[in-house]
Protein backbone atom coordinates (compact mmCIF):
# COMPACT_ATOMS: atom_id res chain seq x y z
CA UNK A 1 -9.91 73.66 25.42
CA UNK A 2 -9.12 73.73 21.71
CA UNK A 3 -6.24 71.97 20.05
CA UNK A 4 -4.47 73.98 17.35
CA UNK A 5 -3.02 70.79 15.86
CA UNK A 6 -4.54 67.37 15.20
CA UNK A 7 -3.38 64.81 17.72
CA UNK A 8 -1.75 61.55 16.65
CA UNK A 9 -2.63 57.97 17.52
CA UNK A 10 0.00 56.94 20.07
CA UNK A 11 -0.53 53.20 20.49
CA UNK A 12 -3.07 50.37 20.55
CA UNK A 13 -3.18 47.84 23.39
CA UNK A 14 -3.89 44.22 22.47
CA UNK A 15 -4.47 41.29 24.83
CA UNK A 16 -2.93 37.97 23.75
CA UNK A 17 -2.58 34.51 25.34
CA UNK A 18 1.17 34.21 24.57
CA UNK A 19 3.17 37.44 24.46
CA UNK A 20 6.30 35.86 22.97
CA UNK A 21 4.32 34.20 20.16
CA UNK A 22 2.51 37.51 19.48
CA UNK A 23 5.77 39.49 19.34
CA UNK A 24 7.17 36.95 16.91
CA UNK A 25 4.01 36.91 14.76
CA UNK A 26 3.58 40.71 14.50
CA UNK A 27 7.29 41.07 13.74
CA UNK A 28 7.32 38.31 11.12
CA UNK A 29 4.03 39.17 9.39
CA UNK A 30 3.98 43.00 9.54
CA UNK A 31 7.60 43.89 10.27
CA UNK A 32 6.74 45.55 13.60
CA UNK A 33 9.81 46.12 15.80
CA UNK A 34 10.16 45.20 19.47
CA UNK A 35 11.26 48.26 21.46
CA UNK A 36 10.75 46.80 24.96
CA UNK A 37 10.87 43.10 25.80
CA UNK A 38 8.22 41.63 28.10
CA UNK A 39 8.30 42.56 31.76
CA UNK A 40 6.08 41.23 34.51
CA UNK A 41 3.82 43.60 36.41
CA UNK A 42 2.31 42.31 39.66
CA UNK A 43 -0.20 43.73 42.11
CA UNK A 44 2.54 43.91 44.75
CA UNK A 45 2.42 47.50 45.97
CA UNK A 46 5.10 48.66 43.49
CA UNK A 47 4.51 51.79 41.42
CA UNK A 48 3.55 49.87 38.25
CA UNK A 49 1.61 47.30 40.25
CA UNK A 50 -0.51 50.07 41.74
CA UNK A 51 -0.82 51.86 38.39
CA UNK A 52 -2.11 48.77 36.56
CA UNK A 53 -4.34 47.76 39.48
CA UNK A 54 -5.91 51.21 39.38
CA UNK A 55 -6.57 50.90 35.62
CA UNK A 56 -7.70 47.25 35.53
CA UNK A 57 -9.57 47.13 38.84
CA UNK A 58 -9.49 44.95 41.93
CA UNK A 59 -9.31 41.58 40.14
CA UNK A 60 -5.90 42.29 38.57
CA UNK A 61 -2.97 40.32 40.00
CA UNK A 62 -0.30 39.92 37.28
CA UNK A 63 0.55 40.29 33.61
CA UNK A 64 3.35 40.52 31.09
CA UNK A 65 3.65 43.64 28.93
CA UNK A 66 5.79 44.32 25.84
CA UNK A 67 6.03 47.16 23.34
CA UNK A 68 6.40 47.13 19.55
CA UNK A 69 6.24 49.89 16.91
CA UNK A 70 4.88 50.02 13.38
CA UNK A 71 6.74 51.48 10.42
CA UNK A 72 5.34 54.94 11.16
CA UNK A 73 6.16 54.80 14.88
CA UNK A 74 2.68 53.98 16.22
CA UNK A 75 2.90 51.67 19.20
CA UNK A 76 1.49 48.19 19.62
CA UNK A 77 1.32 47.39 23.34
CA UNK A 78 0.92 43.67 24.00
CA UNK A 79 -0.58 42.32 27.22
CA UNK A 80 -0.61 38.74 28.46
CA UNK A 81 -2.72 38.60 31.59
CA UNK A 82 -1.58 35.77 33.84
CA UNK A 83 -3.76 36.31 36.95
CA UNK A 84 -6.58 36.27 36.15
CA UNK A 85 -5.49 34.27 33.11
CA UNK A 86 -6.16 35.34 29.55
CA UNK A 87 -9.48 34.14 28.11
CA UNK A 88 -10.21 34.12 24.39
CA UNK A 89 -13.56 35.56 23.38
CA UNK A 90 -15.87 33.01 21.78
CA UNK A 91 -17.16 35.57 19.30
CA UNK A 92 -14.31 37.82 18.18
CA UNK A 93 -16.56 40.10 16.11
CA UNK A 94 -19.12 41.54 18.52
CA UNK A 95 -19.48 44.66 16.35
CA UNK A 96 -22.79 45.61 17.97
CA UNK A 97 -21.10 46.17 21.36
CA UNK A 98 -19.22 49.29 22.30
CA UNK A 99 -15.42 49.38 22.23
CA UNK A 100 -12.68 48.98 19.68
CA UNK A 101 -13.14 45.96 17.47
CA UNK A 102 -10.33 45.99 14.93
CA UNK A 103 -6.91 47.36 14.02
CA UNK A 104 -6.43 48.49 10.41
CA UNK A 105 -3.06 47.98 8.75
CA UNK A 106 -2.19 49.58 5.41
CA UNK A 107 -0.63 47.31 2.80
CA UNK A 108 -0.93 48.01 -0.95
CA UNK A 109 -1.49 44.38 -2.01
CA UNK A 110 -4.31 43.26 0.29
CA UNK A 111 -4.59 39.70 -1.05
CA UNK A 112 -0.84 39.14 -0.71
CA UNK A 113 -0.95 40.19 2.96
CA UNK A 114 -4.07 38.11 3.62
CA UNK A 115 -2.27 35.05 2.20
CA UNK A 116 0.66 35.75 4.53
CA UNK A 117 -1.63 36.16 7.55
CA UNK A 118 -3.36 32.84 6.80
CA UNK A 119 -0.08 31.02 6.10
CA UNK A 120 1.26 32.27 9.45
CA UNK A 121 -1.68 30.92 11.48
CA UNK A 122 -4.17 33.78 11.14
CA UNK A 123 -7.63 33.63 9.62
CA UNK A 124 -9.53 35.37 6.81
CA UNK A 125 -12.89 36.72 8.05
CA UNK A 126 -14.24 38.29 4.83
CA UNK A 127 -13.66 38.32 1.13
CA UNK A 128 -11.57 41.15 -0.36
CA UNK A 129 -13.76 44.14 -1.19
CA UNK A 130 -13.49 47.36 -3.16
CA UNK A 131 -14.39 49.96 -0.55
CA UNK A 132 -16.13 52.15 -3.15
CA UNK A 133 -17.13 50.45 -6.42
CA UNK A 134 -14.88 51.56 -9.26
CA UNK A 135 -12.20 52.99 -6.96
CA UNK A 136 -8.93 51.22 -6.27
CA UNK A 137 -9.22 50.90 -2.49
CA UNK A 138 -9.38 47.30 -1.34
CA UNK A 139 -9.88 45.78 2.11
CA UNK A 140 -10.26 42.45 3.85
CA UNK A 141 -10.98 41.53 7.46
CA UNK A 142 -8.80 38.88 9.12
CA UNK A 143 -7.79 37.67 12.59
CA UNK A 144 -4.37 37.17 14.09
CA UNK A 145 -3.77 33.68 15.57
CA UNK A 146 -4.89 35.04 18.97
CA UNK A 147 -8.41 36.08 17.87
CA UNK A 148 -7.83 39.82 17.43
CA UNK A 149 -9.60 41.33 14.40
CA UNK A 150 -7.42 42.99 11.75
CA UNK A 151 -8.45 45.00 8.70
CA UNK A 152 -5.95 44.99 5.85
CA UNK A 153 -6.56 48.02 3.62
CA UNK A 154 -4.66 49.11 0.53
CA UNK A 155 -4.66 52.87 1.03
CA UNK A 156 -3.88 55.22 3.92
CA UNK A 157 -6.95 56.51 5.74
CA UNK A 158 -6.50 60.20 4.91
CA UNK A 159 -6.07 59.38 1.21
CA UNK A 160 -9.42 57.58 1.21
CA UNK A 161 -11.59 60.06 3.07
CA UNK A 162 -9.99 63.51 2.80
CA UNK A 163 -11.99 65.85 0.56
CA UNK A 164 -14.77 63.29 0.15
CA UNK A 165 -18.05 65.11 0.64
CA UNK A 166 -19.88 61.94 1.64
CA UNK A 167 -20.01 58.23 0.96
CA UNK A 168 -21.37 57.75 -2.58
CA UNK A 169 -24.97 56.55 -3.04
CA UNK A 170 -25.21 52.78 -3.39
CA UNK A 171 -21.76 52.17 -1.90
């Protein structure tokens, strides 16, 4: 099957230990908007209980789920697993393992946003870098207060990589 049009990123799901604190933090720091307050989903034979049990597997018993949107309408789906309870990873940057390992957020003044993240309980993971030496695209890796890895980058993705034949030598 071929797609005549490029698909769009619909949403990203993020597990957090405290859904209310996460909603507050992502709203305060990035301006994301809550579009659906938290609801509880239980493995109780209900439609959503069966749906989530099918996705998560036999160990799932209960969780809270809430929905937020970014400025361009991309969703941020927050999950607080309650049974089994949420566990924070010891190493939040296991880049050598498969799976998604960060969310990138565009903000023109990277250092300003990093300062805000840190002042609001997050963490800086890297220094601020020029993506390509001599070009004005800057990035920094951080964490939210819940241990999820965030990349703050100054320029939209398509503006960085469209019409670029390849990554320059020595970059």
